Amino acid sequence: MTAFELSGLILGGAFLAGLLGSLTGLGGGMVIVPLLTIGFGVDLHYAIGASLISVIATSSGAAAAYVKEGYTNIRLGMLLEIATTTGALGGAFLAGVISTSVIAYLFAGMLVFSAYLSARPRVEHISVERSDPWAEPLRLTSTYPTASGLQQYGVTHVPVGFGLMFIAGILSGLLGIGSGALKVLAMDNAMRLPFKVSTTTSNFMIGVTAAASAGVYLRRGYVDPALSFPVMLGVLAGALLGARLLSHIHTRRLRQIFAVVILALAIEMVYKASSGRI
């Protein structure tokens, strides 16, 4: 197989990863890293480096649109970025000192967790009456557009959300993912934000988080342009198409299928790691 043909296959796989990640809200990084390591035999560190570049590209492309539409809570996102970027730098440092097998086991655990989140039904949370004592002085409460006009919402459990974001940052830097699933879980369940606000604010944050850890991978030589470029193009194209299709298709069944796929990838990663092939 020539280098051109291999790049084409990686581009196609990255496109599907970006499409599925966008339609299910979990991001393409959850698929692209195991796809590159299991499917194409790419070293795990290089796969993580390429995934981080694609996360930056997709976040930059979609975040501007969500900010313009009024869904993203920018003040909250900037506050939580302190925790996620700090965690991401720590995660990128850990990736250089622990074995690839351990990283593969952690990634498999994250895939199982994401499969659970993908399969469970979503419940909308809107907290208006009670806000965290930190929310008022930091002006974190806000509104978001609905069919009946602007809906006000409060923000609860800010310290808990800040701590969970630090963990999300560590996983992002360590595994090369946006950690969007954990970020949305923290904002949706712990901070009681509306689901659309949680997902769009997470999208606003993941690019900055990935950029923090991508610098460390670049310095270590784990960002290969020949690999990162087709991955970035494929994931970005798939994510943009997914965003266009999202309002026209029924995603519940797709999320359940996606859960089965990433669960299978988790089992394969554990098998490869235990047999010393990662």
Foldseek 3Di string as FASTA:
>chain_A
DDLVVVLVVLLQQLQVLLQLCQLLLNASLLPQQLCCCVVVVDDNLLSLLLLLLLLLLQLVVPLVVCVVQFLEQVLLLVVLLVLLLVLLQVLLVVLVPDDVLVLLLVSLVVLLVLLVVLQDDDDWFFAAPDADPVCVVSVRWDWHADPVGTDTGHWHDSVQLSVQSNVLNNNCNNRNGLSLSSQLCSRCPVGRHTSSNSSSSSSNNSSSSSVSSSVSSVVVVSHDCSNNVSSNNSSNNSNVVSVVCNVPDDCNVVSNVSSVVSNVSSVVSNVCSVVVSD
